Amino acid sequence: YLQRLIAQSRQFPGIRVGLSPRAGMSLL
């Protein structure tokens, strides 16, 4: 679920730059 959120951020309409792996680790 967490990885899908991160991946979705990189292709989500309105977002130019999504979440990095470091952001994912911090979120977890």
PDB file of all heavy atoms in Angstrom:
ATOM      1  N   TYR A   1       0.830  -1.203   0.000  1.00  0.00           N
ATOM      2  CA  TYR A   1       0.000   0.000   0.000  1.00  0.00           C
ATOM      3  C   TYR A   1       0.868   1.259   0.000  1.00  0.00           C
ATOM      4  O   TYR A   1       0.623   2.208  -0.763  1.00  0.00           O
ATOM      5  CB  TYR A   1      -0.916  -0.016   1.213  1.00  0.00           C
ATOM      6  CG  TYR A   1      -1.699   1.252   1.437  1.00  0.00           C
ATOM      7  CD1 TYR A   1      -2.619   1.715   0.492  1.00  0.00           C
ATOM      8  CD2 TYR A   1      -1.517   1.994   2.599  1.00  0.00           C
ATOM      9  CE1 TYR A   1      -3.344   2.890   0.706  1.00  0.00           C
ATOM     10  CE2 TYR A   1      -2.227   3.163   2.821  1.00  0.00           C
ATOM     11  CZ  TYR A   1      -3.143   3.605   1.867  1.00  0.00           C
ATOM     12  OH  TYR A   1      -3.848   4.773   2.082  1.00  0.00           O
ATOM     13  N   LEU A   2       1.893   1.251   0.828  1.00  0.00           N
ATOM     14  CA  LEU A   2       2.795   2.402   0.905  1.00  0.00           C
ATOM     15  C   LEU A   2       3.514   2.623  -0.421  1.00  0.00           C
ATOM     16  O   LEU A   2       3.624   3.763  -0.912  1.00  0.00           O
ATOM     17  CB  LEU A   2       3.806   2.185   2.033  1.00  0.00           C
ATOM     18  CG  LEU A   2       4.860   3.272   2.250  1.00  0.00           C
ATOM     19  CD1 LEU A   2       4.207   4.610   2.561  1.00  0.00           C
ATOM     20  CD2 LEU A   2       5.802   2.873   3.373  1.00  0.00           C
ATOM     21  N   GLN A   3       3.977   1.538  -1.028  1.00  0.00           N
ATOM     22  CA  GLN A   3       4.694   1.670  -2.293  1.00  0.00           C
ATOM     23  C   GLN A   3       3.780   2.168  -3.401  1.00  0.00           C
ATOM     24  O   GLN A   3       4.200   2.959  -4.265  1.00  0.00           O
ATOM     25  CB  GLN A   3       5.320   0.320  -2.673  1.00  0.00           C
ATOM     26  CG  GLN A   3       6.445   0.410  -3.703  1.00  0.00           C
ATOM     27  CD  GLN A   3       5.918   0.546  -5.119  1.00  0.00           C
ATOM     28  OE1 GLN A   3       4.894  -0.049  -5.453  1.00  0.00           O
ATOM     29  NE2 GLN A   3       6.622   1.310  -5.948  1.00  0.00           N
ATOM     30  N   ARG A   4       2.510   1.751  -3.384  1.00  0.00           N
ATOM     31  CA  ARG A   4       1.573   2.227  -4.394  1.00  0.00           C
ATOM     32  C   ARG A   4       1.288   3.726  -4.230  1.00  0.00           C
ATOM     33  O   ARG A   4       1.117   4.442  -5.213  1.00  0.00           O
ATOM     34  CB  ARG A   4       0.269   1.424  -4.332  1.00  0.00           C
ATOM     35  CG  ARG A   4       0.417   0.026  -4.930  1.00  0.00           C
ATOM     36  CD  ARG A   4      -0.904  -0.697  -5.056  1.00  0.00           C
ATOM     37  NE  ARG A   4      -1.424  -1.132  -3.760  1.00  0.00           N
ATOM     38  CZ  ARG A   4      -2.564  -0.703  -3.235  1.00  0.00           C
ATOM     39  NH1 ARG A   4      -3.309   0.162  -3.891  1.00  0.00           N
ATOM     40  NH2 ARG A   4      -2.973  -1.150  -2.062  1.00  0.00           N
ATOM     41  N   LEU A   5       1.257   4.193  -2.993  1.00  0.00           N
ATOM     42  CA  LEU A   5       1.100   5.625  -2.752  1.00  0.00           C
ATOM     43  C   LEU A   5       2.281   6.401  -3.326  1.00  0.00           C
ATOM     44  O   LEU A   5       2.105   7.443  -3.981  1.00  0.00           O
ATOM     45  CB  LEU A   5       0.992   5.899  -1.252  1.00  0.00           C
ATOM     46  CG  LEU A   5      -0.367   5.667  -0.595  1.00  0.00           C
ATOM     47  CD1 LEU A   5      -0.239   5.740   0.921  1.00  0.00           C
ATOM     48  CD2 LEU A   5      -1.389   6.696  -1.084  1.00  0.00           C
ATOM     49  N   ILE A   6       3.490   5.897  -3.084  1.00  0.00           N
ATOM     50  CA  ILE A   6       4.685   6.572  -3.581  1.00  0.00           C
ATOM     51  C   ILE A   6       4.706   6.578  -5.110  1.00  0.00           C
ATOM     52  O   ILE A   6       4.977   7.606  -5.747  1.00  0.00           O
ATOM     53  CB  ILE A   6       5.948   5.887  -3.018  1.00  0.00           C
ATOM     54  CG1 ILE A   6       5.984   6.015  -1.493  1.00  0.00           C
ATOM     55  CG2 ILE A   6       7.210   6.492  -3.627  1.00  0.00           C
ATOM     56  CD1 ILE A   6       7.053   5.173  -0.845  1.00  0.00           C
ATOM     57  N   ALA A   7       4.404   5.417  -5.711  1.00  0.00           N
ATOM     58  CA  ALA A   7       4.400   5.326  -7.170  1.00  0.00           C
ATOM     59  C   ALA A   7       3.334   6.234  -7.782  1.00  0.00           C
ATOM     60  O   ALA A   7       3.562   6.882  -8.814  1.00  0.00           O
ATOM     61  CB  ALA A   7       4.182   3.874  -7.598  1.00  0.00           C
ATOM     62  N   GLN A   8       2.170   6.293  -7.143  1.00  0.00           N
ATOM     63  CA  GLN A   8       1.087   7.133  -7.657  1.00  0.00           C
ATOM     64  C   GLN A   8       1.471   8.608  -7.621  1.00  0.00           C
ATOM     65  O   GLN A   8       1.080   9.384  -8.500  1.00  0.00           O
ATOM     66  CB  GLN A   8      -0.179   6.894  -6.847  1.00  0.00           C
ATOM     67  CG  GLN A   8      -1.382   7.728  -7.263  1.00  0.00           C
ATOM     68  CD  GLN A   8      -2.010   7.261  -8.560  1.00  0.00           C
ATOM     69  OE1 GLN A   8      -1.416   6.488  -9.310  1.00  0.00           O
ATOM     70  NE2 GLN A   8      -3.216   7.732  -8.842  1.00  0.00           N
ATOM     71  N   SER A   9       2.265   8.995  -6.632  1.00  0.00           N
ATOM     72  CA  SER A   9       2.663  10.404  -6.527  1.00  0.00           C
ATOM     73  C   SER A   9       3.504  10.846  -7.715  1.00  0.00           C
ATOM     74  O   SER A   9       3.543  12.036  -8.044  1.00  0.00           O
ATOM     75  CB  SER A   9       3.445  10.633  -5.231  1.00  0.00           C
ATOM     76  OG  SER A   9       4.756  10.103  -5.299  1.00  0.00           O
ATOM     77  N   ARG A  10       4.165   9.911  -8.366  1.00  0.00           N
ATOM     78  CA  ARG A  10       5.065  10.248  -9.472  1.00  0.00           C
ATOM     79  C   ARG A  10       4.336  10.361 -10.807  1.00  0.00           C
ATOM     80  O   ARG A  10       4.935  10.752 -11.805  1.00  0.00           O
ATOM     81  CB  ARG A  10       6.175   9.201  -9.560  1.00  0.00           C
ATOM     82  CG  ARG A  10       7.024   9.148  -8.293  1.00  0.00           C
ATOM     83  CD  ARG A  10       7.878   7.904  -8.218  1.00  0.00           C
ATOM     84  NE  ARG A  10       8.565   7.812  -6.929  1.00  0.00           N
ATOM     85  CZ  ARG A  10       9.176   6.730  -6.466  1.00  0.00           C
ATOM     86  NH1 ARG A  10       9.181   5.618  -7.211  1.00  0.00           N
ATOM     87  NH2 ARG A  10       9.762   6.732  -5.294  1.00  0.00           N
ATOM     88  N   GLN A  11       3.066  10.010 -10.815  1.00  0.00           N
ATOM     89  CA  GLN A  11       2.290  10.122 -12.048  1.00  0.00           C
ATOM     90  C   GLN A  11       0.936  10.779 -11.830  1.00  0.00           C
ATOM     91  O   GLN A  11       0.092  10.786 -12.712  1.00  0.00           O
ATOM     92  CB  GLN A  11       2.082   8.725 -12.649  1.00  0.00           C
ATOM     93  CG  GLN A  11       1.365   7.759 -11.710  1.00  0.00           C
ATOM     94  CD  GLN A  11       1.319   6.339 -12.254  1.00  0.00           C
ATOM     95  OE1 GLN A  11       2.016   6.008 -13.207  1.00  0.00           O
ATOM     96  NE2 GLN A  11       0.481   5.502 -11.665  1.00  0.00           N
ATOM     97  N   PHE A  12       0.754  11.360 -10.656  1.00  0.00           N
ATOM     98  CA  PHE A  12      -0.538  11.935 -10.293  1.00  0.00           C
ATOM     99  C   PHE A  12      -0.728  13.276 -10.998  1.00  0.00           C
ATOM    100  O   PHE A  12       0.190  14.103 -11.036  1.00  0.00           O
ATOM    101  CB  PHE A  12      -0.620  12.130  -8.777  1.00  0.00           C
ATOM    102  CG  PHE A  12      -2.000  12.412  -8.274  1.00  0.00           C
ATOM    103  CD1 PHE A  12      -2.953  11.414  -8.217  1.00  0.00           C
ATOM    104  CD2 PHE A  12      -2.356  13.697  -7.859  1.00  0.00           C
ATOM    105  CE1 PHE A  12      -4.230  11.670  -7.747  1.00  0.00           C
ATOM    106  CE2 PHE A  12      -3.625  13.962  -7.390  1.00  0.00           C
ATOM    107  CZ  PHE A  12      -4.562  12.942  -7.337  1.00  0.00           C
ATOM    108  N   PRO A  13      -1.910  13.517 -11.580  1.00  0.00           N
ATOM    109  CA  PRO A  13      -2.164  14.794 -12.256  1.00  0.00           C
ATOM    110  C   PRO A  13      -1.972  15.978 -11.303  1.00  0.00           C
ATOM    111  O   PRO A  13      -2.474  15.971 -10.184  1.00  0.00           O
ATOM    112  CB  PRO A  13      -3.626  14.678 -12.703  1.00  0.00           C
ATOM    113  CG  PRO A  13      -3.890  13.214 -12.771  1.00  0.00           C
ATOM    114  CD  PRO A  13      -3.061  12.603 -11.690  1.00  0.00           C
ATOM    115  N   GLY A  14      -1.238  16.959 -11.749  1.00  0.00           N
ATOM    116  CA  GLY A  14      -0.998  18.147 -10.938  1.00  0.00           C
ATOM    117  C   GLY A  14       0.293  18.116 -10.162  1.00  0.00           C
ATOM    118  O   GLY A  14       0.707  19.131  -9.606  1.00  0.00           O
ATOM    119  N   ILE A  15       0.948  16.937 -10.093  1.00  0.00           N
ATOM    120  CA  ILE A  15       2.217  16.822  -9.377  1.00  0.00           C
ATOM    121  C   ILE A  15       3.350  16.693 -10.392  1.00  0.00           C
ATOM    122  O   ILE A  15       3.340  15.788 -11.223  1.00  0.00           O
ATOM    123  CB  ILE A  15       2.214  15.620  -8.414  1.00  0.00           C
ATOM    124  CG1 ILE A  15       1.159  15.818  -7.327  1.00  0.00           C
ATOM    125  CG2 ILE A  15       3.590  15.423  -7.788  1.00  0.00           C
ATOM    126  CD1 ILE A  15       1.085  14.676  -6.331  1.00  0.00           C
ATOM    127  N   ARG A  16       4.301  17.607 -10.315  1.00  0.00           N
ATOM    128  CA  ARG A  16       5.437  17.587 -11.243  1.00  0.00           C
ATOM    129  C   ARG A  16       6.512  16.626 -10.770  1.00  0.00           C
ATOM    130  O   ARG A  16       7.098  15.891 -11.559  1.00  0.00           O
ATOM    131  CB  ARG A  16       6.013  18.998 -11.397  1.00  0.00           C
ATOM    132  CG  ARG A  16       7.258  19.100 -12.262  1.00  0.00           C
ATOM    133  CD  ARG A  16       7.620  20.561 -12.513  1.00  0.00           C
ATOM    134  NE  ARG A  16       7.743  21.296 -11.269  1.00  0.00           N
ATOM    135  CZ  ARG A  16       8.874  21.355 -10.555  1.00  0.00           C
ATOM    136  NH1 ARG A  16       9.958  20.700 -10.959  1.00  0.00           N
ATOM    137  NH2 ARG A  16       8.921  22.058  -9.441  1.00  0.00           N
ATOM    138  N   VAL A  17       6.830  16.636  -9.486  1.00  0.00           N
ATOM    139  CA  VAL A  17       7.837  15.745  -8.903  1.00  0.00           C
ATOM    140  C   VAL A  17       7.207  15.046  -7.705  1.00  0.00           C
ATOM    141  O   VAL A  17       6.727  15.711  -6.778  1.00  0.00           O
ATOM    142  CB  VAL A  17       9.103  16.506  -8.465  1.00  0.00           C
ATOM    143  CG1 VAL A  17      10.109  15.550  -7.834  1.00  0.00           C
ATOM    144  CG2 VAL A  17       9.731  17.240  -9.651  1.00  0.00           C
ATOM    145  N   GLY A  18       7.207  13.728  -7.728  1.00  0.00           N
ATOM    146  CA  GLY A  18       6.573  12.960  -6.669  1.00  0.00           C
ATOM    147  C   GLY A  18       7.518  12.644  -5.524  1.00  0.00           C
ATOM    148  O   GLY A  18       8.564  13.272  -5.339  1.00  0.00           O
ATOM    149  N   LEU A  19       7.146  11.632  -4.751  1.00  0.00           N
ATOM    150  CA  LEU A  19       7.884  11.281  -3.535  1.00  0.00           C
ATOM    151  C   LEU A  19       9.095  10.420  -3.861  1.00  0.00           C
ATOM    152  O   LEU A  19       9.035   9.528  -4.700  1.00  0.00           O
ATOM    153  CB  LEU A  19       6.967  10.538  -2.574  1.00  0.00           C
ATOM    154  CG  LEU A  19       5.719  11.308  -2.115  1.00  0.00           C
ATOM    155  CD1 LEU A  19       4.825  10.413  -1.273  1.00  0.00           C
ATOM    156  CD2 LEU A  19       6.115  12.557  -1.339  1.00  0.00           C
ATOM    157  N   SER A  20      10.178  10.673  -3.156  1.00  0.00           N
ATOM    158  CA  SER A  20      11.416   9.916  -3.326  1.00  0.00           C
ATOM    159  C   SER A  20      11.407   8.697  -2.411  1.00  0.00           C
ATOM    160  O   SER A  20      10.585   8.605  -1.483  1.00  0.00           O
ATOM    161  CB  SER A  20      12.618  10.801  -2.986  1.00  0.00           C
ATOM    162  OG  SER A  20      12.613  11.115  -1.595  1.00  0.00           O
ATOM    163  N   PRO A  21      12.328   7.739  -2.622  1.00  0.00           N
ATOM    164  CA  PRO A  21      12.440   6.623  -1.687  1.00  0.00           C
ATOM    165  C   PRO A  21      12.707   7.080  -0.251  1.00  0.00           C
ATOM    166  O   PRO A  21      12.194   6.485   0.702  1.00  0.00           O
ATOM    167  CB  PRO A  21      13.619   5.824  -2.247  1.00  0.00           C
ATOM    168  CG  PRO A  21      13.599   6.112  -3.716  1.00  0.00           C
ATOM    169  CD  PRO A  21      13.172   7.542  -3.824  1.00  0.00           C
ATOM    170  N   ARG A  22      13.497   8.165  -0.094  1.00  0.00           N
ATOM    171  CA  ARG A  22      13.744   8.670   1.263  1.00  0.00           C
ATOM    172  C   ARG A  22      12.457   9.187   1.887  1.00  0.00           C
ATOM    173  O   ARG A  22      12.219   8.992   3.089  1.00  0.00           O
ATOM    174  CB  ARG A  22      14.799   9.773   1.237  1.00  0.00           C
ATOM    175  CG  ARG A  22      15.054  10.373   2.629  1.00  0.00           C
ATOM    176  CD  ARG A  22      16.326  11.187   2.697  1.00  0.00           C
ATOM    177  NE  ARG A  22      16.314  12.316   1.767  1.00  0.00           N
ATOM    178  CZ  ARG A  22      17.369  13.089   1.535  1.00  0.00           C
ATOM    179  NH1 ARG A  22      18.516  12.824   2.144  1.00  0.00           N
ATOM    180  NH2 ARG A  22      17.296  14.095   0.699  1.00  0.00           N
ATOM    181  N   ALA A  23      11.608   9.819   1.079  1.00  0.00           N
ATOM    182  CA  ALA A  23      10.325  10.276   1.595  1.00  0.00           C
ATOM    183  C   ALA A  23       9.470   9.096   2.038  1.00  0.00           C
ATOM    184  O   ALA A  23       8.777   9.160   3.055  1.00  0.00           O
ATOM    185  CB  ALA A  23       9.596  11.092   0.531  1.00  0.00           C
ATOM    186  N   GLY A  24       9.516   8.002   1.281  1.00  0.00           N
ATOM    187  CA  GLY A  24       8.769   6.812   1.657  1.00  0.00           C
ATOM    188  C   GLY A  24       9.239   6.218   2.967  1.00  0.00           C
ATOM    189  O   GLY A  24       8.424   5.805   3.808  1.00  0.00           O
ATOM    190  N   MET A  25      10.543   6.175   3.174  1.00  0.00           N
ATOM    191  CA  MET A  25      11.080   5.649   4.431  1.00  0.00           C
ATOM    192  C   MET A  25      10.697   6.545   5.606  1.00  0.00           C
ATOM    193  O   MET A  25      10.364   6.064   6.695  1.00  0.00           O
ATOM    194  CB  MET A  25      12.604   5.529   4.317  1.00  0.00           C
ATOM    195  CG  MET A  25      13.065   4.497   3.299  1.00  0.00           C
ATOM    196  SD  MET A  25      14.858   4.487   3.076  1.00  0.00           S
ATOM    197  CE  MET A  25      15.400   3.981   4.703  1.00  0.00           C
ATOM    198  N   SER A  26      10.729   7.860   5.383  1.00  0.00           N
ATOM    199  CA  SER A  26      10.333   8.790   6.432  1.00  0.00           C
ATOM    200  C   SER A  26       8.856   8.646   6.764  1.00  0.00           C
ATOM    201  O   SER A  26       8.457   8.674   7.938  1.00  0.00           O
ATOM    202  CB  SER A  26      10.640  10.224   5.985  1.00  0.00           C
ATOM    203  OG  SER A  26      10.271  11.151   6.981  1.00  0.00           O
ATOM    204  N   LEU A  27       8.017   8.477   5.731  1.00  0.00           N
ATOM    205  CA  LEU A  27       6.588   8.268   5.940  1.00  0.00           C
ATOM    206  C   LEU A  27       6.329   6.998   6.736  1.00  0.00           C
ATOM    207  O   LEU A  27       5.488   6.977   7.646  1.00  0.00           O
ATOM    208  CB  LEU A  27       5.887   8.206   4.584  1.00  0.00           C
ATOM    209  CG  LEU A  27       4.399   7.838   4.580  1.00  0.00           C
ATOM    210  CD1 LEU A  27       3.583   8.817   5.405  1.00  0.00           C
ATOM    211  CD2 LEU A  27       3.874   7.780   3.137  1.00  0.00           C
ATOM    212  N   LEU A  28       7.034   5.928   6.428  1.00  0.00           N
ATOM    213  CA  LEU A  28       6.860   4.671   7.155  1.00  0.00           C
ATOM    214  C   LEU A  28       7.266   4.831   8.621  1.00  0.00           C
ATOM    215  O   LEU A  28       6.575   4.340   9.520  1.00  0.00           O
ATOM    216  CB  LEU A  28       7.684   3.564   6.504  1.00  0.00           C
ATOM    217  CG  LEU A  28       7.600   2.183   7.161  1.00  0.00           C
ATOM    218  CD1 LEU A  28       6.159   1.681   7.187  1.00  0.00           C
ATOM    219  CD2 LEU A  28       8.501   1.184   6.433  1.00  0.00           C
TER     220      LEU A  28
END
